[in-house]
Amino acid sequence: MPEDAMYSISHGRSEVFYDRFDRKADDRHQTHYCPGCGHGITHKLIANAIHELGVQDRTIFVSPVGCSVFAYYYFNVGNVQAAHGRAAAVATGVKRARPNSVVISYQGDGDLAAIGSAEILHAANRGENITVFFLNNAIYGMTGGQLAPTTLLGHKSTTTPFGRNPYNDGYPLRVAELLSTLEAPVYIERVSLGGNKQIMAAGRAIKKALQNQVKGLGFSLIEILSPCPTIWKMTPVEAQHFVEETLVKTFPPGVYRDKTATAEPRPHQMPAPPVEEFPKILRLANGTSNGKRAVRETGDVDFRIRIAGFGGQGVLLLGQILAEAGMDAGLDVSWLPSYGPEMRSGTSNCHVRLSSKAVDSPLVAHPNVLIAMNEPSLRKFLPAMAPGGFVLYNGEQLPGGLERPAGVRIQVLPVTRLADELGASKAGNIVALGALLEETHALPDGAIEQALQRLIKAEKWLELDRFALVRGKEAGRLAAVTAN
């Protein structure tokens, strides 16, 4: 008998894994998981299922914060890292953007059942066609062993040194049972990694959950009872017995929902409309001669604007007008509001981006334009101004004791009083807009007019705002601009 016929290899590294694991420079053939950890076993089961289904080339793995985060070091598939608890929401977006992909959300109990509880609940309730693998080891493993939503009653953790008390800490959250009360999920099962027979059953459930997604049937979740020897302070064998004998009493394995045999494939998503239809859908075409945008003809544009004041001063509306007019002028724009709990007299501010290039972030940390409608806003945002920026302050004179960044130009204009002289102090935001346009020439008049017509519904206010815009421009021409 030939020597190589005397034995055969029944187990080996799945082709779905990378050939080497770059996270450990000293040994690139080992994972970072602790001996006996359930993540390594689960990785193997998922990899086998992906390989058997032949979907490696279209699988996208979404892993959030926690021990699950390092999945991208091991799975040779598409990988996306999500913020803590947001994997189900990110997986939803990925699946909707790439409906032919097989999208996996891979989460621990501290992630999915705590900070991510809203995301998983609503993804399941919508029946998103994703597959969720939920590792339940009843503890926060990576961050030192705090109480998790699934920690057993009476069990000690770093945040419950006397044991979990239901009157103080609540009861263990049973995710499989909870989600099975919803109508949309197709398949929910809880499995255990307590022994070889249970591990084989877990592998079958994992494959079935992925197969459901391949068939387009909808939402599937497999809850996996997993050992955590290090945090439990047990040997790997003791931790496996703990899963098999203790954890299952609180979290009984079993099928909690299975509509696989009767479920129909979810309808295909409607294709995105052509780009040229967007103005009509968003009601941007205003019935003018051709409905086209009045494209700005100047060079590069990059206005990073912060508008701030009290609630009721029209701060957010002014930001909307700028953003809408920017779109009409053919610019890339963003508008991000921020306001306090009070509708009136509370603080309010917004971020506006107007750019001839793609907007990378809606946040404006260092504005090159600031419209401060009151003194608190001026003092708060002035120190963050970008060099060479422009500030428009609503007041009679600059308050004392300001820290003025070098090179920042400041125009002081009593926009509220000027608006009041026109008949309505609430039009002060439009007076400020006029002064801003006079100083910066940020947007063409035609684009501003179109934005006003869309946003100001009452004809009397529209007419008043037109006067306020002109008054602001006049006042802006006459006002002195000081520079430090």
Protein backbone atom coordinates (compact mmCIF):
# COMPACT_ATOMS: atom_id res chain seq x y z
CA MET A 1 0.00 0.00 0.00
CA PRO A 2 1.43 3.41 -0.91
CA GLU A 3 2.48 5.49 2.07
CA ASP A 4 0.15 8.40 1.20
CA ALA A 5 -2.84 6.03 1.10
CA MET A 6 -2.48 5.06 4.74
CA TYR A 7 -4.23 8.13 6.05
CA SER A 8 -6.58 10.92 4.94
CA ILE A 9 -7.29 14.42 6.20
CA SER A 10 -10.87 14.86 7.40
CA HIS A 11 -10.47 18.34 8.88
CA GLY A 12 -8.52 21.33 7.63
CA ARG A 13 -8.62 25.05 7.21
CA SER A 14 -11.63 26.22 5.22
CA GLU A 15 -10.96 27.94 1.93
CA VAL A 16 -13.14 30.77 3.23
CA PHE A 17 -10.38 31.73 5.69
CA TYR A 18 -7.26 33.66 4.74
CA ASP A 19 -4.09 31.62 4.31
CA ARG A 20 -2.53 33.46 7.22
CA PHE A 21 -3.87 35.70 9.98
CA ASP A 22 -2.00 39.00 10.00
CA ARG A 23 -3.24 40.11 13.40
CA LYS A 24 -0.63 37.99 15.18
CA ALA A 25 2.75 38.82 13.73
CA ASP A 26 4.50 36.15 15.81
CA ASP A 27 2.25 33.31 14.65
CA ARG A 28 0.10 33.92 11.61
CA HIS A 29 -1.52 30.50 11.76
CA GLN A 30 -3.36 31.11 15.06
CA THR A 31 -6.40 33.21 15.87
CA HIS A 32 -6.39 35.67 18.76
CA TYR A 33 -9.23 33.87 20.53
CA CYS A 34 -8.66 32.29 23.94
CA PRO A 35 -8.44 28.48 24.19
CA GLY A 36 -11.96 27.09 24.36
CA CYS A 37 -13.61 30.30 23.14
CA GLY A 38 -16.81 29.81 21.16
CA HIS A 39 -15.84 32.36 18.52
CA GLY A 40 -13.28 30.06 16.96
CA ILE A 41 -15.76 27.18 16.75
CA THR A 42 -18.46 29.45 15.32
CA HIS A 43 -16.06 30.87 12.74
CA LYS A 44 -15.36 27.36 11.54
CA LEU A 45 -19.06 26.51 11.26
CA ILE A 46 -19.86 29.70 9.36
CA ALA A 47 -16.90 29.23 7.02
CA ASN A 48 -17.99 25.66 6.26
CA ALA A 49 -21.53 26.83 5.48
CA ILE A 50 -20.34 29.62 3.19
CA HIS A 51 -18.11 27.15 1.34
CA GLU A 52 -20.82 24.50 0.99
CA LEU A 53 -23.32 27.04 -0.33
CA GLY A 54 -20.76 28.43 -2.78
CA VAL A 55 -21.36 32.06 -1.82
CA GLN A 56 -17.90 33.18 -0.69
CA ASP A 57 -17.52 35.60 -3.61
CA ARG A 58 -20.69 37.51 -2.63
CA THR A 59 -20.64 37.29 1.16
CA ILE A 60 -20.23 40.45 3.25
CA PHE A 61 -19.43 40.09 6.94
CA VAL A 62 -20.51 42.90 9.30
CA SER A 63 -18.80 42.79 12.68
CA PRO A 64 -19.08 45.44 15.43
CA VAL A 65 -17.17 46.17 18.64
CA GLY A 66 -16.31 43.26 20.95
CA CYS A 67 -14.48 39.98 20.44
CA SER A 68 -16.41 39.60 17.17
CA VAL A 69 -14.70 42.67 15.72
CA PHE A 70 -11.67 40.73 14.51
CA ALA A 71 -13.61 38.56 12.08
CA TYR A 72 -12.11 40.56 9.21
CA TYR A 73 -8.69 39.09 10.02
CA TYR A 74 -9.97 35.62 9.30
CA PHE A 75 -12.80 35.58 6.73
CA ASN A 76 -11.70 36.07 3.14
CA VAL A 77 -14.96 37.76 2.17
CA GLY A 78 -16.24 41.33 2.07
CA ASN A 79 -15.85 42.86 5.53
CA VAL A 80 -17.43 45.92 7.12
CA GLN A 81 -16.82 47.02 10.69
CA ALA A 82 -19.79 48.65 12.43
CA ALA A 83 -20.00 50.86 15.50
CA HIS A 84 -20.97 49.25 18.80
CA GLY A 85 -24.44 47.72 18.49
CA ARG A 86 -25.08 48.93 14.95
CA ALA A 87 -24.24 45.79 12.98
CA ALA A 88 -27.86 44.93 12.17
CA ALA A 89 -28.48 48.48 10.91
CA VAL A 90 -25.28 48.47 8.84
CA ALA A 91 -26.13 45.01 7.48
CA THR A 92 -29.54 46.34 6.46
CA GLY A 93 -27.93 49.18 4.51
CA VAL A 94 -25.40 46.85 2.86
CA LYS A 95 -28.09 44.37 1.84
CA ARG A 96 -30.33 47.06 0.39
CA ALA A 97 -27.43 48.58 -1.51
CA ARG A 98 -26.19 45.17 -2.73
CA PRO A 99 -29.28 42.92 -2.74
CA ASN A 100 -27.47 40.02 -4.43
CA SER A 101 -24.93 39.78 -1.63
CA VAL A 102 -25.14 37.40 1.32
CA VAL A 103 -24.89 39.70 4.34
CA ILE A 104 -23.98 38.39 7.80
CA SER A 105 -24.34 40.36 11.03
CA TYR A 106 -22.06 38.76 13.63
CA GLN A 107 -22.64 40.04 17.18
CA GLY A 108 -22.08 39.28 20.84
CA ASP A 109 -24.63 39.60 23.62
CA GLY A 110 -23.31 42.86 25.06
CA ASP A 111 -23.43 44.31 21.57
CA LEU A 112 -26.71 42.96 20.19
CA ALA A 113 -28.83 42.70 23.33
CA ALA A 114 -27.68 45.93 25.04
CA ILE A 115 -26.70 48.94 22.96
CA GLY A 116 -27.89 47.23 19.77
CA SER A 117 -31.30 46.13 21.02
CA ALA A 118 -33.21 48.71 18.99
CA GLU A 119 -31.33 47.89 15.78
CA ILE A 120 -31.88 44.13 16.00
CA LEU A 121 -35.52 44.52 17.04
CA HIS A 122 -36.42 46.70 14.09
CA ALA A 123 -34.33 44.76 11.55
CA ALA A 124 -36.20 41.62 12.63
CA ASN A 125 -39.55 43.40 12.60
CA ARG A 126 -38.94 44.56 9.04
CA GLY A 127 -37.93 41.06 8.04
CA GLU A 128 -34.67 42.25 6.49
CA ASN A 129 -33.13 39.56 4.29
CA ILE A 130 -29.99 39.25 6.39
CA THR A 131 -28.55 36.50 8.59
CA VAL A 132 -27.63 37.28 12.20
CA PHE A 133 -25.32 35.11 14.29
CA PHE A 134 -25.67 36.07 17.93
CA LEU A 135 -23.04 34.70 20.33
CA ASN A 136 -24.42 34.57 23.85
CA ASN A 137 -21.79 33.93 26.53
CA ALA A 138 -23.75 35.83 29.20
CA ILE A 139 -21.00 38.39 29.86
CA TYR A 140 -19.12 41.33 28.37
CA GLY A 141 -16.05 39.36 27.33
CA MET A 142 -13.61 41.77 25.68
CA THR A 143 -13.94 44.64 28.14
CA GLY A 144 -13.35 42.79 31.39
CA GLY A 145 -16.53 41.01 32.38
CA GLN A 146 -19.27 43.53 33.10
CA LEU A 147 -22.89 42.52 33.50
CA ALA A 148 -24.50 41.76 30.13
CA PRO A 149 -28.23 41.68 29.37
CA THR A 150 -27.89 37.88 29.29
CA THR A 151 -25.92 37.40 32.55
CA LEU A 152 -27.57 34.71 34.68
CA LEU A 153 -29.38 35.54 37.92
CA GLY A 154 -27.04 35.47 40.89
CA HIS A 155 -23.89 35.42 38.76
CA LYS A 156 -21.15 37.84 39.66
CA SER A 157 -19.55 40.29 37.28
CA THR A 158 -17.28 43.31 37.64
CA THR A 159 -20.36 45.54 37.85
CA THR A 160 -22.44 43.14 39.98
CA PRO A 161 -19.92 41.83 42.54
CA PHE A 162 -22.71 40.40 44.73
CA GLY A 163 -24.45 38.69 41.83
CA ARG A 164 -27.19 39.71 39.43
CA ASN A 165 -30.25 40.89 41.36
CA PRO A 166 -33.44 41.00 39.28
CA TYR A 167 -34.83 43.90 41.33
CA ASN A 168 -31.77 46.00 40.60
CA ASP A 169 -30.42 44.59 37.33
CA GLY A 170 -33.46 43.02 35.68
CA TYR A 171 -33.76 39.49 34.35
CA PRO A 172 -31.64 37.82 31.66
CA LEU A 173 -32.89 38.90 28.25
CA ARG A 174 -34.03 35.99 26.07
CA VAL A 175 -33.45 37.29 22.56
CA ALA A 176 -34.70 34.25 20.62
CA GLU A 177 -37.99 34.22 22.52
CA LEU A 178 -38.37 37.99 22.22
CA LEU A 179 -37.82 38.16 18.46
CA SER A 180 -40.00 35.12 17.83
CA THR A 181 -43.03 37.15 18.92
CA LEU A 182 -42.63 39.29 15.81
CA GLU A 183 -44.42 38.38 12.59
CA ALA A 184 -41.67 39.02 10.06
CA PRO A 185 -38.74 36.71 11.02
CA VAL A 186 -38.52 33.50 9.00
CA TYR A 187 -36.17 31.43 11.12
CA ILE A 188 -34.97 31.78 14.72
CA GLU A 189 -33.13 29.02 16.55
CA ARG A 190 -30.98 28.82 19.67
CA VAL A 191 -28.12 26.34 19.57
CA SER A 192 -25.35 25.38 21.99
CA LEU A 193 -21.62 24.77 21.78
CA GLY A 194 -21.70 22.53 24.84
CA GLY A 195 -20.48 19.34 23.18
CA ASN A 196 -19.76 17.70 19.84
CA LYS A 197 -23.35 16.70 19.17
CA GLN A 198 -24.56 20.24 19.95
CA ILE A 199 -21.82 21.76 17.79
CA MET A 200 -22.89 19.60 14.82
CA ALA A 201 -26.49 20.76 15.32
CA ALA A 202 -25.28 24.37 15.45
CA GLY A 203 -23.52 23.88 12.13
CA ARG A 204 -26.74 22.69 10.51
CA ALA A 205 -28.68 25.68 11.88
CA ILE A 206 -26.04 28.13 10.67
CA LYS A 207 -26.13 26.67 7.17
CA LYS A 208 -29.93 26.76 7.10
CA ALA A 209 -30.00 30.42 8.17
CA LEU A 210 -27.61 31.35 5.35
CA GLN A 211 -29.55 29.24 2.87
CA ASN A 212 -32.70 31.16 3.74
CA GLN A 213 -30.99 34.37 2.73
CA VAL A 214 -29.71 32.85 -0.51
CA LYS A 215 -33.33 31.94 -1.29
CA GLY A 216 -34.43 35.48 -0.41
CA LEU A 217 -36.80 34.39 2.34
CA GLY A 218 -36.04 37.10 4.89
CA PHE A 219 -34.68 37.50 8.40
CA SER A 220 -32.92 34.61 10.16
CA LEU A 221 -31.15 34.66 13.54
CA ILE A 222 -29.17 31.92 15.24
CA GLU A 223 -28.48 32.47 18.93
CA ILE A 224 -25.36 30.52 19.87
CA LEU A 225 -24.67 29.66 23.53
CA SER A 226 -20.92 30.06 23.67
CA PRO A 227 -18.22 29.40 26.31
CA CYS A 228 -15.97 32.20 27.58
CA PRO A 229 -13.35 30.39 29.71
CA THR A 230 -11.15 33.40 30.45
CA ILE A 231 -13.83 35.72 31.85
CA TRP A 232 -15.71 32.87 33.49
CA LYS A 233 -12.39 31.87 35.11
CA MET A 234 -12.77 28.27 34.01
CA THR A 235 -10.75 25.78 32.00
CA PRO A 236 -11.98 25.20 28.44
CA VAL A 237 -13.50 21.86 29.47
CA GLU A 238 -15.22 23.39 32.50
CA ALA A 239 -16.61 26.21 30.35
CA GLN A 240 -18.01 23.73 27.84
CA HIS A 241 -19.73 21.80 30.62
CA PHE A 242 -21.10 25.09 32.01
CA VAL A 243 -22.75 25.81 28.68
CA GLU A 244 -24.11 22.28 28.42
CA GLU A 245 -25.39 22.02 31.99
CA THR A 246 -26.09 25.53 33.30
CA LEU A 247 -26.49 28.10 30.53
CA VAL A 248 -29.10 26.00 28.74
CA LYS A 249 -31.39 26.09 31.79
CA THR A 250 -31.92 29.83 31.36
CA PHE A 251 -31.63 29.77 27.58
CA PRO A 252 -33.15 26.48 26.34
CA PRO A 253 -31.91 25.51 22.87
CA GLY A 254 -34.54 24.92 20.23
CA VAL A 255 -36.34 26.28 17.18
CA TYR A 256 -38.39 29.33 18.10
CA ARG A 257 -39.58 30.24 14.62
CA ASP A 258 -39.36 28.35 11.34
CA LYS A 259 -41.42 29.44 8.35
CA THR A 260 -38.76 28.26 5.91
CA ALA A 261 -41.02 25.68 4.24
CA THR A 262 -43.87 28.11 3.62
CA ALA A 263 -42.14 31.49 3.25
CA GLU A 264 -42.20 33.12 -0.15
CA PRO A 265 -39.15 35.05 -1.42
CA ARG A 266 -39.32 38.70 -0.52
CA PRO A 267 -40.25 41.01 -3.41
CA HIS A 268 -37.34 42.52 -5.28
CA GLN A 269 -36.51 46.08 -4.36
CA MET A 270 -37.74 48.76 -6.67
CA PRO A 271 -34.87 50.04 -8.82
CA ALA A 272 -33.57 53.49 -8.03
CA PRO A 273 -35.10 56.22 -10.21
CA PRO A 274 -32.93 57.87 -12.87
CA VAL A 275 -30.86 60.76 -11.57
CA GLU A 276 -32.66 63.20 -13.85
CA GLU A 277 -35.92 62.39 -12.02
CA PHE A 278 -34.58 63.44 -8.61
CA PRO A 279 -35.50 67.15 -8.91
CA LYS A 280 -39.10 66.21 -9.64
CA ILE A 281 -39.25 63.63 -6.84
CA LEU A 282 -37.73 66.08 -4.36
CA ARG A 283 -39.92 68.88 -5.71
CA LEU A 284 -36.92 70.96 -6.66
CA ALA A 285 -38.27 71.98 -10.07
CA ASN A 286 -40.24 75.17 -9.44
CA GLY A 287 -42.10 75.71 -12.68
CA THR A 288 -39.72 78.30 -14.10
CA SER A 289 -38.85 78.40 -17.78
CA ASN A 290 -37.12 75.02 -17.89
CA GLY A 291 -36.89 73.83 -14.29
CA LYS A 292 -33.10 73.50 -14.53
CA ARG A 293 -30.70 74.58 -11.86
CA ALA A 294 -29.10 77.98 -12.06
CA VAL A 295 -25.57 76.60 -12.06
CA ARG A 296 -22.99 78.81 -10.40
CA GLU A 297 -20.35 79.91 -12.90
CA THR A 298 -17.53 80.80 -10.52
CA GLY A 299 -14.64 78.53 -9.60
CA ASP A 300 -14.20 76.22 -6.63
CA VAL A 301 -16.63 76.75 -3.77
CA ASP A 302 -16.15 75.58 -0.18
CA PHE A 303 -18.34 77.33 2.36
CA ARG A 304 -18.37 75.70 5.81
CA ILE A 305 -21.08 77.64 7.61
CA ARG A 306 -22.23 77.62 11.22
CA ILE A 307 -25.43 79.51 12.06
CA ALA A 308 -26.33 79.87 15.74
CA GLY A 309 -28.74 81.75 17.97
CA PHE A 310 -31.81 81.40 20.15
CA GLY A 311 -34.75 79.25 19.15
CA GLY A 312 -37.26 81.40 17.29
CA GLN A 313 -34.63 83.47 15.45
CA GLY A 314 -34.95 81.41 12.27
CA VAL A 315 -31.54 79.80 12.56
CA LEU A 316 -32.56 76.43 11.13
CA LEU A 317 -34.66 77.99 8.37
CA LEU A 318 -31.74 80.15 7.30
CA GLY A 319 -29.62 77.00 7.03
CA GLN A 320 -32.31 75.30 4.97
CA ILE A 321 -32.53 78.25 2.59
CA LEU A 322 -28.78 78.19 2.04
CA ALA A 323 -28.76 74.44 1.43
CA GLU A 324 -31.74 74.50 -0.93
CA ALA A 325 -30.33 77.45 -2.84
CA GLY A 326 -27.00 75.67 -3.02
CA MET A 327 -28.66 72.71 -4.72
CA ASP A 328 -30.33 75.03 -7.21
CA ALA A 329 -26.93 76.55 -7.89
CA GLY A 330 -25.52 73.13 -8.79
CA LEU A 331 -23.46 72.69 -5.61
CA ASP A 332 -23.07 69.71 -3.32
CA VAL A 333 -24.68 70.62 -0.01
CA SER A 334 -25.50 69.38 3.46
CA TRP A 335 -27.59 70.79 6.30
CA LEU A 336 -27.39 69.41 9.83
CA PRO A 337 -29.56 70.97 12.57
CA SER A 338 -28.80 70.97 16.28
CA TYR A 339 -31.08 72.45 18.89
CA GLY A 340 -32.01 72.32 22.54
CA PRO A 341 -35.27 70.99 24.00
CA GLU A 342 -37.05 74.35 23.96
CA MET A 343 -38.93 75.37 20.82
CA ARG A 344 -38.52 79.03 21.69
CA SER A 345 -35.64 80.79 23.49
CA GLY A 346 -33.56 77.60 23.60
CA THR A 347 -30.18 77.40 21.93
CA SER A 348 -30.18 76.43 18.28
CA ASN A 349 -27.53 76.02 15.63
CA CYS A 350 -26.94 74.25 12.34
CA HIS A 351 -24.10 73.17 10.10
CA VAL A 352 -24.25 74.01 6.37
CA ARG A 353 -21.84 72.88 3.67
CA LEU A 354 -21.82 74.43 0.18
CA SER A 355 -19.18 72.94 -2.08
CA SER A 356 -18.32 72.47 -5.72
CA LYS A 357 -16.88 69.07 -4.69
CA ALA A 358 -18.41 66.13 -2.87
CA VAL A 359 -19.18 66.93 0.77
CA ASP A 360 -17.14 64.58 2.94
CA SER A 361 -18.93 65.32 6.23
CA PRO A 362 -21.97 67.39 7.26
CA LEU A 363 -20.20 68.46 10.45
CA VAL A 364 -18.62 71.91 10.53
CA ALA A 365 -16.02 71.91 13.29
CA HIS A 366 -14.04 74.91 11.98
CA PRO A 367 -16.36 77.19 10.02
CA ASN A 368 -15.14 79.73 7.50
CA VAL A 369 -18.51 81.51 7.85
CA LEU A 370 -20.28 82.14 11.16
CA ILE A 371 -23.64 83.84 11.57
CA ALA A 372 -24.07 84.52 15.29
CA MET A 373 -27.55 85.78 16.09
CA ASN A 374 -26.74 86.38 19.77
CA GLU A 375 -23.75 86.96 22.04
CA PRO A 376 -23.59 83.44 23.57
CA SER A 377 -23.33 81.96 20.09
CA LEU A 378 -20.58 84.39 19.12
CA ARG A 379 -18.53 83.53 22.21
CA LYS A 380 -19.08 79.80 21.73
CA PHE A 381 -18.20 79.43 18.06
CA LEU A 382 -15.81 82.31 17.34
CA PRO A 383 -12.71 80.55 18.77
CA ALA A 384 -13.18 77.65 16.34
CA MET A 385 -13.22 79.88 13.22
CA ALA A 386 -10.91 78.94 10.37
CA PRO A 387 -8.23 81.51 9.46
CA GLY A 388 -9.50 84.09 7.00
CA GLY A 389 -13.13 83.34 7.83
CA PHE A 390 -16.07 85.75 7.96
CA VAL A 391 -18.33 86.39 10.97
CA LEU A 392 -21.66 88.20 10.87
CA TYR A 393 -22.79 89.20 14.36
CA ASN A 394 -26.30 90.38 15.19
CA GLY A 395 -25.70 93.33 17.48
CA GLU A 396 -25.00 97.03 17.79
CA GLN A 397 -21.34 96.53 18.70
CA LEU A 398 -18.94 93.74 19.50
CA PRO A 399 -19.03 92.58 23.13
CA GLY A 400 -15.84 92.93 25.10
CA GLY A 401 -13.42 90.22 26.10
CA LEU A 402 -13.62 88.19 22.90
CA GLU A 403 -10.88 85.82 21.82
CA ARG A 404 -10.59 86.76 18.15
CA PRO A 405 -8.69 84.35 15.92
CA ALA A 406 -6.10 86.01 13.69
CA GLY A 407 -7.28 87.05 10.24
CA VAL A 408 -11.00 86.55 10.92
CA ARG A 409 -13.19 89.30 9.48
CA ILE A 410 -16.17 90.40 11.61
CA GLN A 411 -19.18 92.41 10.50
CA VAL A 412 -21.50 93.78 13.20
CA LEU A 413 -25.05 94.35 12.02
CA PRO A 414 -28.26 94.79 14.08
CA VAL A 415 -30.28 92.44 11.88
CA THR A 416 -33.09 92.01 14.41
CA ARG A 417 -33.61 95.75 14.68
CA LEU A 418 -33.48 96.18 10.90
CA ALA A 419 -36.09 93.46 10.47
CA ASP A 420 -38.25 95.05 13.13
CA GLU A 421 -38.17 98.30 11.16
CA LEU A 422 -39.60 96.35 8.20
CA GLY A 423 -42.48 95.10 10.32
CA ALA A 424 -41.37 91.73 11.74
CA SER A 425 -38.32 91.03 13.87
CA LYS A 426 -38.52 87.33 12.94
CA ALA A 427 -37.26 88.26 9.46
CA GLY A 428 -33.87 89.07 10.98
CA ASN A 429 -32.51 85.79 9.62
CA ILE A 430 -33.25 86.94 6.07
CA VAL A 431 -31.63 90.32 6.72
CA ALA A 432 -28.57 88.36 7.85
CA LEU A 433 -28.78 86.29 4.67
CA GLY A 434 -28.74 89.44 2.55
CA ALA A 435 -25.69 90.77 4.36
CA LEU A 436 -23.94 87.41 3.98
CA LEU A 437 -24.61 87.31 0.24
CA GLU A 438 -23.39 90.88 -0.19
CA GLU A 439 -20.11 90.06 1.55
CA THR A 440 -19.40 86.57 0.18
CA HIS A 441 -21.40 86.33 -3.08
CA ALA A 442 -21.90 82.72 -2.05
CA LEU A 443 -25.02 82.09 -4.14
CA PRO A 444 -26.80 83.71 -7.09
CA ASP A 445 -29.99 85.68 -6.48
CA GLY A 446 -32.01 83.33 -8.68
CA ALA A 447 -31.15 80.33 -6.53
CA ILE A 448 -32.10 82.21 -3.33
CA GLU A 449 -35.44 83.24 -4.85
CA GLN A 450 -36.23 79.65 -5.84
CA ALA A 451 -35.41 78.39 -2.36
CA LEU A 452 -37.56 81.07 -0.72
CA GLN A 453 -40.50 80.18 -2.94
CA ARG A 454 -40.29 76.53 -1.90
CA LEU A 455 -39.76 77.08 1.82
CA ILE A 456 -41.92 80.15 2.54
CA LYS A 457 -45.53 79.15 1.91
CA ALA A 458 -47.44 82.30 2.89
CA GLU A 459 -47.32 85.03 0.27
CA LYS A 460 -47.21 87.83 2.85
CA TRP A 461 -44.11 86.36 4.49
CA LEU A 462 -42.49 85.68 1.14
CA GLU A 463 -42.94 89.32 0.17
CA LEU A 464 -41.59 90.49 3.54
CA ASP A 465 -38.55 88.23 3.19
CA ARG A 466 -37.80 89.69 -0.24
CA PHE A 467 -37.71 93.16 1.33
CA ALA A 468 -35.60 91.83 4.21
CA LEU A 469 -33.11 90.32 1.75
CA VAL A 470 -32.70 93.64 -0.04
CA ARG A 471 -32.41 95.49 3.27
CA GLY A 472 -29.70 93.11 4.42
CA LYS A 473 -27.69 93.64 1.25
CA GLU A 474 -27.93 97.41 1.61
CA ALA A 475 -26.90 97.29 5.25
CA GLY A 476 -24.07 94.91 4.41
CA ARG A 477 -22.64 97.33 1.85
CA LEU A 478 -22.62 100.15 4.39
CA ALA A 479 -21.40 98.19 7.41
CA ALA A 480 -17.75 98.19 8.31
CA VAL A 481 -15.92 94.88 8.33
CA THR A 482 -13.14 94.67 10.90
CA ALA A 483 -10.27 92.19 10.77
CA ASN A 484 -7.94 91.20 13.57
